[in-house]
Every structure is written in C-alpha cells, then in structure tokens.
Amino acid sequence: MKPEKLESRTESRFAQWPEGPRNQSNLGGESDIEAGPVALSECSAISGRKETPKRPRKVSADRRANELSSHETFGNVVATPSTFVRMRLEAFEKLRRTVGIFPVERGGIFVGKDAFLVEDFVFDDTSDPASTVYYPNVSYLNSILNKCFEPRGLFFVGVGHSHPRGLLRPSGNDHWGDVRAARNNLLSKGNTYLNAIFIPIIESEAETGRFHIHPFVMLREDLVVHPARLEIVE
C-alpha cells in the first residue's frame, strides 16, 4: 500500500540549480537527464535510515575534524558566526563517499525537517560527470523526495556540490549562479516550510587532496548567503 502523504509539507520540491550564466537555448537541455521512477523498495538503500531519528549527539572529537567556522565577509556572503547547522554522521559519510571523492561539479540534495539539522544526503549519480558546471537531475531527485523521504516526514532542505580549487563559496548573485538558485528554491511555493536553505560548497579529494565541507546557508528573512558553523552529530 502506498503510504499516505503528510498534509503539511508534501509539496517540497527541488528546482533547477544553475551554477553559472546559461544561454537560453541551454535551459532544460542535456543536463536535465531523465531517470526512471524510483521504486519504494529502493528507498531503504537510498535513505539508509529506517528508525525514528534520534536526539542529536555530538560525535567524538576526531570525527568532527571536518567542522568549519567561517567568519569572513566577502563578495556575496555576509558574516553571521551564530548561524549553526548540525549534520547526521550518516549524511556526512554519504557526502564524503560520493561528492567528496569525485572530480568537481558533482552534488546532491540534503533532507530533514529544516536546514539546521540535516538528516540525510542523496547523491545525484545521474548528473553529467564530464560537465564543468553542476546541473542536477531535478526530476530524479524530486522522485526520490516524493517516494522515499516525504512519507517519513523528511523534506528537501538544501543542496551541496563541489567547486574547483580556490572557489570555496557559493557562486553568483541575485541574477545567476548558486545564489540565484538558492533564492529561487527558498521562495518556491512548494517550499514555504523552509526558513533557510543549506548550501555548502564541498572540497573533493580528487581536486585538492582532501574532503572538506564549507558550510553556508541562505536565510528566508534576508535572502542573503551567510557562512555557518557545522557540527557532525549521531
């Protein structure tokens, strides 16, 4: 039997995430790879977590080595050191084993109840690995949200992808790039439950020799990108 959808947040949707300026002819082009529907039997393999989410608990210090506190003010980012995000260790490991080891411009989406506690990560393994820009397969990712997470009360709360060496903040501004995409997703009619969107930039081992998360959020209250502090919890 197909699970009944929850009333309040069933319309969470991940919209297109154009990283850089694109010609009109490229919109909805080859980067939007169509994938087949996700069967419910596949959801356990995708999500991993079956039990009721536990109360967050800090992991040991050696497993929190990837935490980053960023206080700079530069370009399109405004410093707010108090912005704090927690990520489940399971989500962290999925991110590390996928985006963290591949060449740059690979990514995926984060799920949870809000952007300040990330419960899981879904790797977009259908995106073009040869692309110099990350164009997510929106149809594929939304099908996973719909079938595997929303029935369990978990929803789209952010997107992360890797950048080339030295480009370790969200690209663009209100008119293009990561900043525009974050704004569009945050203001989507289907995502009114979001008070912020988590948009970290990932360093991959293939590019810099290490895996590292550079955490950022865009807040609904000001639609501005802020650096965040990230803590990994079990």
Protein backbone atom coordinates (compact mmCIF):
# COMPACT_ATOMS: atom_id res chain seq x y z
CA MET A 1 0.00 0.00 0.00
CA LYS A 2 1.32 3.42 -0.88
CA PRO A 3 1.84 5.47 2.28
CA GLU A 4 -0.44 8.45 2.78
CA LYS A 5 1.38 11.74 2.32
CA LEU A 6 1.63 14.20 5.16
CA GLU A 7 -0.69 17.19 4.88
CA SER A 8 1.64 20.00 5.81
CA ARG A 9 4.81 19.54 3.74
CA THR A 10 4.05 17.27 0.84
CA GLU A 11 4.93 19.79 -1.85
CA SER A 12 8.63 20.25 -1.10
CA ARG A 13 10.38 20.48 -4.42
CA PHE A 14 13.93 20.95 -5.59
CA ALA A 15 14.11 23.34 -8.54
CA GLN A 16 16.89 23.71 -11.11
CA TRP A 17 20.28 24.75 -9.73
CA PRO A 18 22.11 26.69 -12.49
CA GLU A 19 25.57 27.49 -11.21
CA GLY A 20 26.61 29.96 -13.86
CA PRO A 21 25.14 32.14 -16.60
CA ARG A 22 23.48 30.00 -19.25
CA ASN A 23 22.27 30.71 -22.75
CA GLN A 24 18.52 30.46 -23.14
CA SER A 25 19.00 27.58 -25.56
CA ASN A 26 20.64 25.53 -22.81
CA LEU A 27 17.83 25.78 -20.31
CA GLY A 28 16.33 22.37 -19.70
CA GLY A 29 18.86 20.88 -22.08
CA GLU A 30 21.10 17.85 -21.88
CA SER A 31 21.95 18.40 -18.23
CA ASP A 32 18.39 17.51 -17.22
CA ILE A 33 18.87 13.78 -17.64
CA GLU A 34 15.61 11.89 -17.37
CA ALA A 35 15.73 8.96 -14.96
CA GLY A 36 13.24 6.20 -14.38
CA PRO A 37 10.90 6.24 -11.38
CA VAL A 38 12.29 5.21 -8.02
CA ALA A 39 10.60 2.12 -6.59
CA LEU A 40 9.66 2.13 -2.93
CA SER A 41 11.77 -0.98 -2.44
CA GLU A 42 14.83 1.08 -3.37
CA CYS A 43 14.20 3.71 -0.72
CA SER A 44 15.93 1.88 2.11
CA ALA A 45 19.09 1.67 0.04
CA ILE A 46 18.90 5.37 -0.78
CA SER A 47 17.94 6.71 2.61
CA GLY A 48 19.62 4.16 4.84
CA ARG A 49 17.85 5.36 7.98
CA LYS A 50 14.73 3.35 8.88
CA GLU A 51 14.36 4.10 12.57
CA THR A 52 12.88 7.20 14.17
CA PRO A 53 15.57 9.92 14.14
CA LYS A 54 17.46 10.04 17.44
CA ARG A 55 18.20 13.08 19.56
CA PRO A 56 21.34 14.65 18.09
CA ARG A 57 24.51 13.72 19.99
CA LYS A 58 27.97 15.05 19.25
CA VAL A 59 30.41 12.57 17.81
CA SER A 60 33.90 12.21 19.23
CA ALA A 61 36.38 14.99 18.55
CA ASP A 62 38.39 13.05 15.97
CA ARG A 63 35.22 12.50 13.90
CA ARG A 64 34.35 16.17 13.99
CA ALA A 65 37.57 17.21 12.29
CA ASN A 66 35.65 18.48 9.30
CA GLU A 67 33.80 21.19 11.21
CA LEU A 68 34.33 24.70 9.87
CA SER A 69 33.65 28.04 11.48
CA SER A 70 33.71 30.76 8.86
CA HIS A 71 33.53 34.43 9.81
CA GLU A 72 34.70 36.24 6.69
CA THR A 73 32.68 38.82 4.83
CA PHE A 74 33.40 38.66 1.12
CA GLY A 75 31.56 39.11 -2.14
CA ASN A 76 28.06 37.67 -1.90
CA VAL A 77 28.46 36.33 1.67
CA VAL A 78 27.62 38.21 4.87
CA ALA A 79 29.21 37.04 8.12
CA THR A 80 26.91 35.70 10.85
CA PRO A 81 29.01 33.46 13.09
CA SER A 82 25.96 32.39 15.11
CA THR A 83 24.40 30.50 12.17
CA PHE A 84 24.75 26.88 13.22
CA VAL A 85 23.97 23.67 11.30
CA ARG A 86 24.10 20.08 12.55
CA MET A 87 24.51 17.12 10.20
CA ARG A 88 23.94 13.45 10.96
CA LEU A 89 27.08 11.35 10.73
CA GLU A 90 25.31 9.10 8.21
CA ALA A 91 24.69 12.05 5.89
CA PHE A 92 28.26 13.23 6.36
CA GLU A 93 29.62 9.81 5.37
CA LYS A 94 27.40 9.59 2.29
CA LEU A 95 28.64 13.02 1.21
CA ARG A 96 32.25 12.04 1.86
CA ARG A 97 31.98 8.77 -0.11
CA THR A 98 30.41 10.42 -3.16
CA VAL A 99 30.89 14.15 -3.80
CA GLY A 100 33.97 14.02 -1.58
CA ILE A 101 35.93 11.68 -3.83
CA PHE A 102 34.78 12.55 -7.37
CA PRO A 103 36.08 15.32 -9.63
CA VAL A 104 34.42 18.69 -9.09
CA GLU A 105 30.90 19.77 -10.02
CA ARG A 106 29.16 16.74 -8.57
CA GLY A 107 26.44 17.14 -5.97
CA GLY A 108 23.17 16.13 -4.41
CA ILE A 109 20.46 17.23 -2.00
CA PHE A 110 20.04 17.29 1.76
CA VAL A 111 16.86 16.24 3.54
CA GLY A 112 15.50 16.88 7.01
CA LYS A 113 12.77 18.83 8.77
CA ASP A 114 14.66 22.12 8.43
CA ALA A 115 18.03 23.32 7.20
CA PHE A 116 19.60 23.40 10.67
CA LEU A 117 19.50 19.63 11.24
CA VAL A 118 20.44 17.65 8.12
CA GLU A 119 19.18 14.08 8.43
CA ASP A 120 20.33 12.57 5.14
CA PHE A 121 22.07 13.19 1.82
CA VAL A 122 21.05 11.94 -1.64
CA PHE A 123 23.83 11.80 -4.21
CA ASP A 124 22.81 12.83 -7.72
CA ASP A 125 24.51 9.97 -9.54
CA THR A 126 22.72 10.81 -12.80
CA SER A 127 24.31 14.23 -13.34
CA ASP A 128 26.86 14.61 -16.13
CA PRO A 129 30.29 13.74 -14.68
CA ALA A 130 32.05 15.49 -17.57
CA SER A 131 30.32 18.84 -17.04
CA THR A 132 32.22 21.90 -15.84
CA VAL A 133 29.03 23.09 -14.09
CA TYR A 134 26.76 21.09 -11.79
CA TYR A 135 23.31 20.76 -13.38
CA PRO A 136 21.21 18.48 -11.14
CA ASN A 137 18.75 15.94 -12.47
CA VAL A 138 15.76 17.62 -10.87
CA SER A 139 13.19 15.03 -11.96
CA TYR A 140 15.22 12.19 -10.49
CA LEU A 141 15.87 13.96 -7.19
CA ASN A 142 12.24 15.03 -6.78
CA SER A 143 11.08 11.46 -7.42
CA ILE A 144 13.32 10.30 -4.55
CA LEU A 145 11.96 13.04 -2.30
CA ASN A 146 8.41 12.08 -3.14
CA LYS A 147 8.75 8.32 -2.72
CA CYS A 148 11.46 7.86 -0.12
CA PHE A 149 11.51 10.82 2.23
CA GLU A 150 8.28 12.82 2.33
CA PRO A 151 6.24 9.82 3.57
CA ARG A 152 8.68 9.69 6.51
CA GLY A 153 8.34 13.40 7.30
CA LEU A 154 11.68 14.43 5.76
CA PHE A 155 11.91 17.10 3.09
CA PHE A 156 14.29 18.98 0.82
CA VAL A 157 16.40 21.36 2.94
CA GLY A 158 19.44 22.07 0.82
CA VAL A 159 21.87 21.19 -1.92
CA GLY A 160 25.62 20.72 -1.88
CA HIS A 161 28.10 20.40 -4.69
CA SER A 162 31.85 20.60 -5.23
CA HIS A 163 33.77 23.52 -6.68
CA PRO A 164 37.23 23.80 -8.22
CA ARG A 165 40.22 24.63 -6.07
CA GLY A 166 40.03 28.14 -4.61
CA LEU A 167 36.31 28.67 -5.31
CA LEU A 168 35.04 27.73 -1.90
CA ARG A 169 31.88 29.82 -1.59
CA PRO A 170 28.56 29.85 -3.46
CA SER A 171 28.86 31.42 -6.88
CA GLY A 172 26.90 34.28 -8.38
CA ASN A 173 24.44 36.84 -7.13
CA ASP A 174 20.72 37.54 -7.29
CA HIS A 175 20.81 37.14 -11.08
CA TRP A 176 22.82 33.97 -11.64
CA GLY A 177 24.61 31.04 -10.08
CA ASP A 178 24.27 29.33 -6.71
CA VAL A 179 22.91 32.46 -5.04
CA ARG A 180 20.07 32.84 -7.52
CA ALA A 181 19.27 29.12 -7.39
CA ALA A 182 19.17 29.14 -3.58
CA ARG A 183 16.87 32.15 -3.62
CA ASN A 184 14.55 30.53 -6.18
CA ASN A 185 14.34 27.29 -4.20
CA LEU A 186 13.76 29.12 -0.92
CA LEU A 187 10.95 31.20 -2.44
CA SER A 188 9.32 28.28 -4.26
CA LYS A 189 5.62 27.90 -3.42
CA GLY A 190 6.29 24.27 -2.55
CA ASN A 191 8.99 25.13 -0.02
CA THR A 192 7.20 27.59 2.26
CA TYR A 193 8.13 25.42 5.27
CA LEU A 194 11.81 26.35 4.84
CA ASN A 195 13.17 29.16 7.00
CA ALA A 196 16.61 28.67 5.44
CA ILE A 197 18.36 26.57 2.82
CA PHE A 198 21.68 24.79 3.42
CA ILE A 199 24.10 25.34 0.50
CA PRO A 200 27.60 24.11 1.41
CA ILE A 201 30.46 24.03 -1.04
CA ILE A 202 32.47 20.81 -0.99
CA GLU A 203 36.19 20.29 -1.47
CA SER A 204 36.78 16.90 -3.05
CA GLU A 205 39.82 14.71 -2.64
CA ALA A 206 40.10 14.47 -6.41
CA GLU A 207 40.61 18.24 -6.64
CA THR A 208 42.51 19.30 -3.51
CA GLY A 209 43.58 16.04 -1.89
CA ARG A 210 41.13 16.36 1.00
CA PHE A 211 37.42 16.25 1.70
CA HIS A 212 36.10 19.34 3.42
CA ILE A 213 32.69 20.97 3.82
CA HIS A 214 32.46 24.74 3.62
CA PRO A 215 29.01 25.40 5.12
CA PHE A 216 26.72 28.24 4.06
CA VAL A 217 23.04 28.98 4.49
CA MET A 218 20.64 31.42 2.92
CA LEU A 219 18.05 32.71 5.39
CA ARG A 220 14.49 33.44 4.34
CA GLU A 221 14.43 36.54 6.49
CA ASP A 222 17.01 38.38 4.37
CA LEU A 223 17.67 36.13 1.33
CA VAL A 224 21.39 36.57 1.89
CA VAL A 225 24.11 33.90 1.98
CA HIS A 226 25.75 33.51 5.40
CA PRO A 227 28.73 31.35 6.43
CA ALA A 228 27.75 28.74 9.01
CA ARG A 229 29.26 26.58 11.71
CA LEU A 230 28.84 22.86 11.06
CA GLU A 231 28.72 20.13 13.69
CA ILE A 232 28.53 16.41 12.92
CA VAL A 233 26.16 14.50 15.23
CA GLU A 234 25.00 10.90 15.55
